[in-house]
PDB file of N, CA and C in Angstrom:
ATOM      1  N   MET A   1     -45.175 192.913 -83.487  1.00  0.00           N
ATOM      2  CA  MET A   1     -44.637 191.564 -83.515  1.00  0.00           C
ATOM      3  C   MET A   1     -45.527 190.678 -82.640  1.00  0.00           C
ATOM      4  N   LYS A   2     -45.910 189.529 -83.187  1.00  0.00           N
ATOM      5  CA  LYS A   2     -46.761 188.580 -82.465  1.00  0.00           C
ATOM      6  C   LYS A   2     -46.070 187.225 -82.438  1.00  0.00           C
ATOM      7  N   ILE A   3     -45.345 186.969 -81.357  1.00  0.00           N
ATOM      8  CA  ILE A   3     -44.651 185.691 -81.227  1.00  0.00           C
ATOM      9  C   ILE A   3     -45.659 184.644 -80.771  1.00  0.00           C
ATOM     10  N   ARG A   4     -45.756 183.582 -81.542  1.00  0.00           N
ATOM     11  CA  ARG A   4     -46.714 182.508 -81.258  1.00  0.00           C
ATOM     12  C   ARG A   4     -46.099 181.170 -81.643  1.00  0.00           C
ATOM     13  N   ASP A   5     -46.805 180.123 -81.295  1.00  0.00           N
ATOM     14  CA  ASP A   5     -46.465 178.771 -81.742  1.00  0.00           C
ATOM     15  C   ASP A   5     -47.042 178.661 -83.155  1.00  0.00           C
ATOM     16  N   ILE A   6     -46.211 178.888 -84.159  1.00  0.00           N
ATOM     17  CA  ILE A   6     -46.677 178.960 -85.545  1.00  0.00           C
ATOM     18  C   ILE A   6     -46.491 177.621 -86.258  1.00  0.00           C
ATOM     19  N   HIS A   7     -46.931 177.573 -87.485  1.00  0.00           N
ATOM     20  CA  HIS A   7     -46.755 176.376 -88.312  1.00  0.00           C
ATOM     21  C   HIS A   7     -45.277 176.163 -88.617  1.00  0.00           C
ATOM     22  N   GLY A   8     -44.626 177.211 -89.101  1.00  0.00           N
ATOM     23  CA  GLY A   8     -43.194 177.168 -89.354  1.00  0.00           C
ATOM     24  C   GLY A   8     -42.783 176.704 -90.738  1.00  0.00           C
ATOM     25  N   ASP A   9     -43.720 176.184 -91.506  1.00  0.00           N
ATOM     26  CA  ASP A   9     -43.409 175.691 -92.860  1.00  0.00           C
ATOM     27  C   ASP A   9     -44.656 175.822 -93.731  1.00  0.00           C
ATOM     28  N   LEU A  10     -45.274 177.007 -93.691  1.00  0.00           N
ATOM     29  CA  LEU A  10     -46.571 177.198 -94.339  1.00  0.00           C
ATOM     30  C   LEU A  10     -46.418 177.545 -95.816  1.00  0.00           C
ATOM     31  N   TYR A  11     -46.634 176.556 -96.635  1.00  0.00           N
ATOM     32  CA  TYR A  11     -46.619 176.686 -98.090  1.00  0.00           C
ATOM     33  C   TYR A  11     -47.869 176.020 -98.635  1.00  0.00           C
ATOM     34  N   LEU A  12     -48.179 176.263 -99.891  1.00  0.00           N
ATOM     35  CA  LEU A  12     -49.372 175.674-100.499  1.00  0.00           C
ATOM     36  C   LEU A  12     -49.406 174.161-100.375  1.00  0.00           C
ATOM     37  N   LYS A  13     -48.252 173.525-100.474  1.00  0.00           N
ATOM     38  CA  LYS A  13     -48.212 172.062-100.416  1.00  0.00           C
ATOM     39  C   LYS A  13     -48.598 171.524 -99.037  1.00  0.00           C
ATOM     40  N   ASN A  14     -48.671 172.395 -98.031  1.00  0.00           N
ATOM     41  CA  ASN A  14     -49.005 171.973 -96.677  1.00  0.00           C
ATOM     42  C   ASN A  14     -50.407 172.395 -96.250  1.00  0.00           C
ATOM     43  N   ILE A  15     -51.253 172.669 -97.237  1.00  0.00           N
ATOM     44  CA  ILE A  15     -52.638 173.053 -96.966  1.00  0.00           C
ATOM     45  C   ILE A  15     -53.555 172.116 -97.737  1.00  0.00           C
ATOM     46  N   PHE A  16     -54.505 171.544 -97.021  1.00  0.00           N
ATOM     47  CA  PHE A  16     -55.493 170.654 -97.633  1.00  0.00           C
ATOM     48  C   PHE A  16     -56.845 171.328 -97.492  1.00  0.00           C
ATOM     49  N   ILE A  17     -57.479 171.651 -98.627  1.00  0.00           N
ATOM     50  CA  ILE A  17     -58.753 172.365 -98.622  1.00  0.00           C
ATOM     51  C   ILE A  17     -59.878 171.386 -98.926  1.00  0.00           C
ATOM     52  N   VAL A  18     -60.933 171.465 -98.114  1.00  0.00           N
ATOM     53  CA  VAL A  18     -62.111 170.614 -98.303  1.00  0.00           C
ATOM     54  C   VAL A  18     -63.330 171.506 -98.504  1.00  0.00           C
ATOM     55  N   LYS A  19     -64.498 170.901 -98.535  1.00  0.00           N
ATOM     56  CA  LYS A  19     -65.729 171.653 -98.781  1.00  0.00           C
ATOM     57  C   LYS A  19     -66.004 172.704 -97.707  1.00  0.00           C
ATOM     58  N   ASP A  20     -66.869 173.625 -98.065  1.00  0.00           N
ATOM     59  CA  ASP A  20     -67.385 174.630 -97.136  1.00  0.00           C
ATOM     60  C   ASP A  20     -66.295 175.487 -96.495  1.00  0.00           C
ATOM     61  N   ARG A  21     -65.271 175.809 -97.261  1.00  0.00           N
ATOM     62  CA  ARG A  21     -64.182 176.691 -96.825  1.00  0.00           C
ATOM     63  C   ARG A  21     -63.407 176.155 -95.632  1.00  0.00           C
ATOM     64  N   LYS A  22     -63.455 174.861 -95.432  1.00  0.00           N
ATOM     65  CA  LYS A  22     -62.659 174.249 -94.367  1.00  0.00           C
ATOM     66  C   LYS A  22     -61.310 173.853 -94.936  1.00  0.00           C
ATOM     67  N   TYR A  23     -60.314 173.908 -94.095  1.00  0.00           N
ATOM     68  CA  TYR A  23     -58.970 173.549 -94.537  1.00  0.00           C
ATOM     69  C   TYR A  23     -58.198 172.935 -93.373  1.00  0.00           C
ATOM     70  N   TYR A  24     -57.167 172.218 -93.725  1.00  0.00           N
ATOM     71  CA  TYR A  24     -56.281 171.604 -92.743  1.00  0.00           C
ATOM     72  C   TYR A  24     -54.846 171.964 -93.102  1.00  0.00           C
ATOM     73  N   LEU A  25     -54.091 172.336 -92.092  1.00  0.00           N
ATOM     74  CA  LEU A  25     -52.664 172.597 -92.266  1.00  0.00           C
ATOM     75  C   LEU A  25     -51.918 171.390 -91.728  1.00  0.00           C
ATOM     76  N   TYR A  26     -50.938 170.933 -92.459  1.00  0.00           N
ATOM     77  CA  TYR A  26     -50.177 169.780 -91.989  1.00  0.00           C
ATOM     78  C   TYR A  26     -48.695 169.980 -92.260  1.00  0.00           C
ATOM     79  N   ASP A  27     -47.887 169.069 -91.753  1.00  0.00           N
ATOM     80  CA  ASP A  27     -46.434 169.069 -91.913  1.00  0.00           C
ATOM     81  C   ASP A  27     -45.789 170.281 -91.246  1.00  0.00           C
ATOM     82  N   ARG A  28     -46.304 170.633 -90.071  1.00  0.00           N
ATOM     83  CA  ARG A  28     -45.696 171.750 -89.344  1.00  0.00           C
ATOM     84  C   ARG A  28     -44.390 171.300 -88.711  1.00  0.00           C
ATOM     85  N   ILE A  29     -43.571 172.255 -88.362  1.00  0.00           N
ATOM     86  CA  ILE A  29     -42.291 171.939 -87.728  1.00  0.00           C
ATOM     87  C   ILE A  29     -42.565 171.409 -86.320  1.00  0.00           C
ATOM     88  N   GLU A  30     -42.143 170.197 -86.068  1.00  0.00           N
ATOM     89  CA  GLU A  30     -42.325 169.570 -84.761  1.00  0.00           C
ATOM     90  C   GLU A  30     -40.992 169.229 -84.111  1.00  0.00           C
ATOM     91  N   PHE A  31     -39.931 169.203 -84.894  1.00  0.00           N
ATOM     92  CA  PHE A  31     -38.653 168.693 -84.405  1.00  0.00           C
ATOM     93  C   PHE A  31     -37.812 169.711 -83.646  1.00  0.00           C
ATOM     94  N   ASN A  32     -38.186 171.004 -83.706  1.00  0.00           N
ATOM     95  CA  ASN A  32     -37.360 172.015 -83.058  1.00  0.00           C
ATOM     96  C   ASN A  32     -38.228 173.204 -82.649  1.00  0.00           C
ATOM     97  N   ASP A  33     -38.520 173.311 -81.359  1.00  0.00           N
ATOM     98  CA  ASP A  33     -39.374 174.397 -80.879  1.00  0.00           C
ATOM     99  C   ASP A  33     -38.825 175.776 -81.216  1.00  0.00           C
ATOM    100  N   SER A  34     -37.516 175.923 -81.235  1.00  0.00           N
ATOM    101  CA  SER A  34     -36.945 177.247 -81.500  1.00  0.00           C
ATOM    102  C   SER A  34     -37.236 177.716 -82.927  1.00  0.00           C
ATOM    103  N   LEU A  35     -37.538 176.803 -83.830  1.00  0.00           N
ATOM    104  CA  LEU A  35     -37.907 177.177 -85.200  1.00  0.00           C
ATOM    105  C   LEU A  35     -39.402 177.432 -85.329  1.00  0.00           C
ATOM    106  N   ARG A  36     -40.170 176.938 -84.373  1.00  0.00           N
ATOM    107  CA  ARG A  36     -41.615 177.032 -84.466  1.00  0.00           C
ATOM    108  C   ARG A  36     -42.172 178.239 -83.714  1.00  0.00           C
ATOM    109  N   TYR A  37     -41.507 178.696 -82.684  1.00  0.00           N
ATOM    110  CA  TYR A  37     -41.973 179.877 -81.958  1.00  0.00           C
ATOM    111  C   TYR A  37     -41.361 181.102 -82.615  1.00  0.00           C
ATOM    112  N   ALA A  38     -42.214 181.862 -83.298  1.00  0.00           N
ATOM    113  CA  ALA A  38     -41.728 183.006 -84.070  1.00  0.00           C
ATOM    114  C   ALA A  38     -42.877 183.980 -84.298  1.00  0.00           C
ATOM    115  N   ASP A  39     -42.577 185.052 -84.982  1.00  0.00           N
ATOM    116  CA  ASP A  39     -43.596 186.033 -85.339  1.00  0.00           C
ATOM    117  C   ASP A  39     -44.551 185.401 -86.350  1.00  0.00           C
ATOM    118  N   VAL A  40     -45.831 185.607 -86.142  1.00  0.00           N
ATOM    119  CA  VAL A  40     -46.853 185.090 -87.056  1.00  0.00           C
ATOM    120  C   VAL A  40     -46.587 185.567 -88.480  1.00  0.00           C
ATOM    121  N   ALA A  41     -45.978 186.727 -88.612  1.00  0.00           N
ATOM    122  CA  ALA A  41     -45.664 187.275 -89.934  1.00  0.00           C
ATOM    123  C   ALA A  41     -44.800 186.320 -90.752  1.00  0.00           C
ATOM    124  N   GLU A  42     -44.043 185.460 -90.080  1.00  0.00           N
ATOM    125  CA  GLU A  42     -43.212 184.495 -90.807  1.00  0.00           C
ATOM    126  C   GLU A  42     -44.081 183.535 -91.628  1.00  0.00           C
ATOM    127  N   ASP A  43     -45.132 183.003 -91.021  1.00  0.00           N
ATOM    128  CA  ASP A  43     -46.035 182.121 -91.763  1.00  0.00           C
ATOM    129  C   ASP A  43     -46.763 182.882 -92.868  1.00  0.00           C
ATOM    130  N   VAL A  44     -47.205 184.092 -92.560  1.00  0.00           N
ATOM    131  CA  VAL A  44     -47.894 184.915 -93.560  1.00  0.00           C
ATOM    132  C   VAL A  44     -46.962 185.181 -94.740  1.00  0.00           C
ATOM    133  N   ALA A  45     -45.720 185.512 -94.460  1.00  0.00           N
ATOM    134  CA  ALA A  45     -44.748 185.802 -95.520  1.00  0.00           C
ATOM    135  C   ALA A  45     -44.457 184.572 -96.368  1.00  0.00           C
ATOM    136  N   HIS A  46     -44.275 183.415 -95.729  1.00  0.00           N
ATOM    137  CA  HIS A  46     -43.981 182.195 -96.496  1.00  0.00           C
ATOM    138  C   HIS A  46     -45.113 181.854 -97.461  1.00  0.00           C
ATOM    139  N   LEU A  47     -46.350 181.890 -96.960  1.00  0.00           N
ATOM    140  CA  LEU A  47     -47.473 181.564 -97.838  1.00  0.00           C
ATOM    141  C   LEU A  47     -47.647 182.628 -98.918  1.00  0.00           C
ATOM    142  N   SER A  48     -47.456 183.872 -98.566  1.00  0.00           N
ATOM    143  CA  SER A  48     -47.564 184.959 -99.536  1.00  0.00           C
ATOM    144  C   SER A  48     -46.542 184.810-100.666  1.00  0.00           C
ATOM    145  N   MET A  49     -45.307 184.496-100.300  1.00  0.00           N
ATOM    146  CA  MET A  49     -44.264 184.304-101.322  1.00  0.00           C
ATOM    147  C   MET A  49     -44.560 183.091-102.196  1.00  0.00           C
ATOM    148  N   ASP A  50     -45.119 182.039-101.597  1.00  0.00           N
ATOM    149  CA  ASP A  50     -45.444 180.846-102.373  1.00  0.00           C
ATOM    150  C   ASP A  50     -46.562 181.140-103.370  1.00  0.00           C
ATOM    151  N   LEU A  51     -47.550 181.913-102.958  1.00  0.00           N
ATOM    152  CA  LEU A  51     -48.617 182.303-103.885  1.00  0.00           C
ATOM    153  C   LEU A  51     -48.052 183.125-105.042  1.00  0.00           C
ATOM    154  N   GLU A  52     -47.134 184.025-104.737  1.00  0.00           N
ATOM    155  CA  GLU A  52     -46.501 184.815-105.800  1.00  0.00           C
ATOM    156  C   GLU A  52     -45.685 183.916-106.729  1.00  0.00           C
ATOM    157  N   TYR A  53     -44.943 182.975-106.163  1.00  0.00           N
ATOM    158  CA  TYR A  53     -44.144 182.041-106.963  1.00  0.00           C
ATOM    159  C   TYR A  53     -45.026 181.271-107.948  1.00  0.00           C
ATOM    160  N   HIS A  54     -46.228 180.915-107.501  1.00  0.00           N
ATOM    161  CA  HIS A  54     -47.156 180.169-108.354  1.00  0.00           C
ATOM    162  C   HIS A  54     -48.021 181.095-109.214  1.00  0.00           C
ATOM    163  N   ARG A  55     -47.583 182.342-109.297  1.00  0.00           N
ATOM    164  CA  ARG A  55     -48.241 183.350-110.148  1.00  0.00           C
ATOM    165  C   ARG A  55     -49.709 183.561-109.772  1.00  0.00           C
ATOM    166  N   ARG A  56     -49.970 183.590-108.474  1.00  0.00           N
ATOM    167  CA  ARG A  56     -51.327 183.835-107.988  1.00  0.00           C
ATOM    168  C   ARG A  56     -51.341 185.108-107.138  1.00  0.00           C
ATOM    169  N   LYS A  57     -50.912 186.186-107.785  1.00  0.00           N
ATOM    170  CA  LYS A  57     -50.890 187.492-107.122  1.00  0.00           C
ATOM    171  C   LYS A  57     -52.285 187.856-106.619  1.00  0.00           C
ATOM    172  N   ASP A  58     -53.319 187.427-107.335  1.00  0.00           N
ATOM    173  CA  ASP A  58     -54.692 187.701-106.913  1.00  0.00           C
ATOM    174  C   ASP A  58     -54.974 187.083-105.543  1.00  0.00           C
ATOM    175  N   LEU A  59     -54.596 185.819-105.364  1.00  0.00           N
ATOM    176  CA  LEU A  59     -54.815 185.149-104.085  1.00  0.00           C
ATOM    177  C   LEU A  59     -53.869 185.676-103.010  1.00  0.00           C
ATOM    178  N   GLN A  60     -52.675 186.057-103.419  1.00  0.00           N
ATOM    179  CA  GLN A  60     -51.719 186.630-102.472  1.00  0.00           C
ATOM    180  C   GLN A  60     -52.298 187.908-101.865  1.00  0.00           C
ATOM    181  N   THR A  61     -52.841 188.756-102.705  1.00  0.00           N
ATOM    182  CA  THR A  61     -53.418 190.015-102.237  1.00  0.00           C
ATOM    183  C   THR A  61     -54.589 189.759-101.297  1.00  0.00           C
ATOM    184  N   ILE A  62     -55.482 188.859-101.675  1.00  0.00           N
ATOM    185  CA  ILE A  62     -56.637 188.528-100.834  1.00  0.00           C
ATOM    186  C   ILE A  62     -56.178 187.970 -99.489  1.00  0.00           C
ATOM    187  N   PHE A  63     -55.224 187.050 -99.517  1.00  0.00           N
ATOM    188  CA  PHE A  63     -54.734 186.430 -98.289  1.00  0.00           C
ATOM    189  C   PHE A  63     -54.149 187.471 -97.337  1.00  0.00           C
ATOM    190  N   VAL A  64     -53.260 188.310 -97.832  1.00  0.00           N
ATOM    191  CA  VAL A  64     -52.613 189.306 -96.971  1.00  0.00           C
ATOM    192  C   VAL A  64     -53.638 190.323 -96.470  1.00  0.00           C
ATOM    193  N   GLU A  65     -54.514 190.797 -97.349  1.00  0.00           N
ATOM    194  CA  GLU A  65     -55.539 191.766 -96.939  1.00  0.00           C
ATOM    195  C   GLU A  65     -56.454 191.169 -95.871  1.00  0.00           C
ATOM    196  N   ASP A  66     -56.881 189.928 -96.055  1.00  0.00           N
ATOM    197  CA  ASP A  66     -57.750 189.277 -95.070  1.00  0.00           C
ATOM    198  C   ASP A  66     -57.031 189.067 -93.745  1.00  0.00           C
ATOM    199  N   TYR A  67     -55.763 188.680 -93.806  1.00  0.00           N
ATOM    200  CA  TYR A  67     -55.005 188.495 -92.566  1.00  0.00           C
ATOM    201  C   TYR A  67     -54.878 189.825 -91.823  1.00  0.00           C
ATOM    202  N   VAL A  68     -54.482 190.869 -92.528  1.00  0.00           N
ATOM    203  CA  VAL A  68     -54.303 192.180 -91.904  1.00  0.00           C
ATOM    204  C   VAL A  68     -55.628 192.676 -91.327  1.00  0.00           C
ATOM    205  N   SER A  69     -56.702 192.509 -92.068  1.00  0.00           N
ATOM    206  CA  SER A  69     -58.015 192.942 -91.602  1.00  0.00           C
ATOM    207  C   SER A  69     -58.437 192.200 -90.332  1.00  0.00           C
ATOM    208  N   GLY A  70     -58.226 190.905 -90.313  1.00  0.00           N
ATOM    209  CA  GLY A  70     -58.626 190.105 -89.156  1.00  0.00           C
ATOM    210  C   GLY A  70     -57.729 190.279 -87.950  1.00  0.00           C
ATOM    211  N   SER A  71     -56.450 190.470 -88.180  1.00  0.00           N
ATOM    212  CA  SER A  71     -55.481 190.541 -87.078  1.00  0.00           C
ATOM    213  C   SER A  71     -55.216 191.970 -86.609  1.00  0.00           C
ATOM    214  N   LYS A  72     -55.557 192.937 -87.444  1.00  0.00           N
ATOM    215  CA  LYS A  72     -55.250 194.354 -87.192  1.00  0.00           C
ATOM    216  C   LYS A  72     -53.740 194.597 -87.130  1.00  0.00           C
ATOM    217  N   ASP A  73     -52.978 193.718 -87.749  1.00  0.00           N
ATOM    218  CA  ASP A  73     -51.513 193.846 -87.778  1.00  0.00           C
ATOM    219  C   ASP A  73     -51.118 194.600 -89.045  1.00  0.00           C
ATOM    220  N   TYR A  74     -51.300 195.908 -89.012  1.00  0.00           N
ATOM    221  CA  TYR A  74     -51.072 196.735 -90.193  1.00  0.00           C
ATOM    222  C   TYR A  74     -49.599 196.872 -90.548  1.00  0.00           C
ATOM    223  N   SER A  75     -48.716 196.478 -89.659  1.00  0.00           N
ATOM    224  CA  SER A  75     -47.284 196.578 -89.941  1.00  0.00           C
ATOM    225  C   SER A  75     -46.877 195.698 -91.120  1.00  0.00           C
ATOM    226  N   LEU A  76     -47.629 194.644 -91.394  1.00  0.00           N
ATOM    227  CA  LEU A  76     -47.305 193.762 -92.522  1.00  0.00           C
ATOM    228  C   LEU A  76     -47.422 194.467 -93.864  1.00  0.00           C
ATOM    229  N   LYS A  77     -48.269 195.450 -93.944  1.00  0.00           N
ATOM    230  CA  LYS A  77     -48.487 196.127 -95.221  1.00  0.00           C
ATOM    231  C   LYS A  77     -47.353 197.081 -95.576  1.00  0.00           C
ATOM    232  N   LYS A  78     -46.428 197.300 -94.665  1.00  0.00           N
ATOM    233  CA  LYS A  78     -45.284 198.167 -94.951  1.00  0.00           C
ATOM    234  C   LYS A  78     -44.363 197.532 -95.977  1.00  0.00           C
ATOM    235  N   TYR A  79     -44.407 196.226 -96.071  1.00  0.00           N
ATOM    236  CA  TYR A  79     -43.468 195.504 -96.912  1.00  0.00           C
ATOM    237  C   TYR A  79     -44.185 194.936 -98.081  1.00  0.00           C
TER     238      TYR A  79
END
């Protein structure tokens, strides 16, 4: 478990992608700290579910695999 100051509302509609693999996340939860401090897995799960909802299982797999590889948080792959 990695409790951090997370985005709290990470969905495709809250990501702006620009050139050269740069991106911006916006519309994070600002109104309630208790909703924003949580396990990083919450943001990973929200974006993963949104990718699946939009029928982008290919991107969902890449996103989760890249996150797990970079973070070494292998517990996410249990689910």
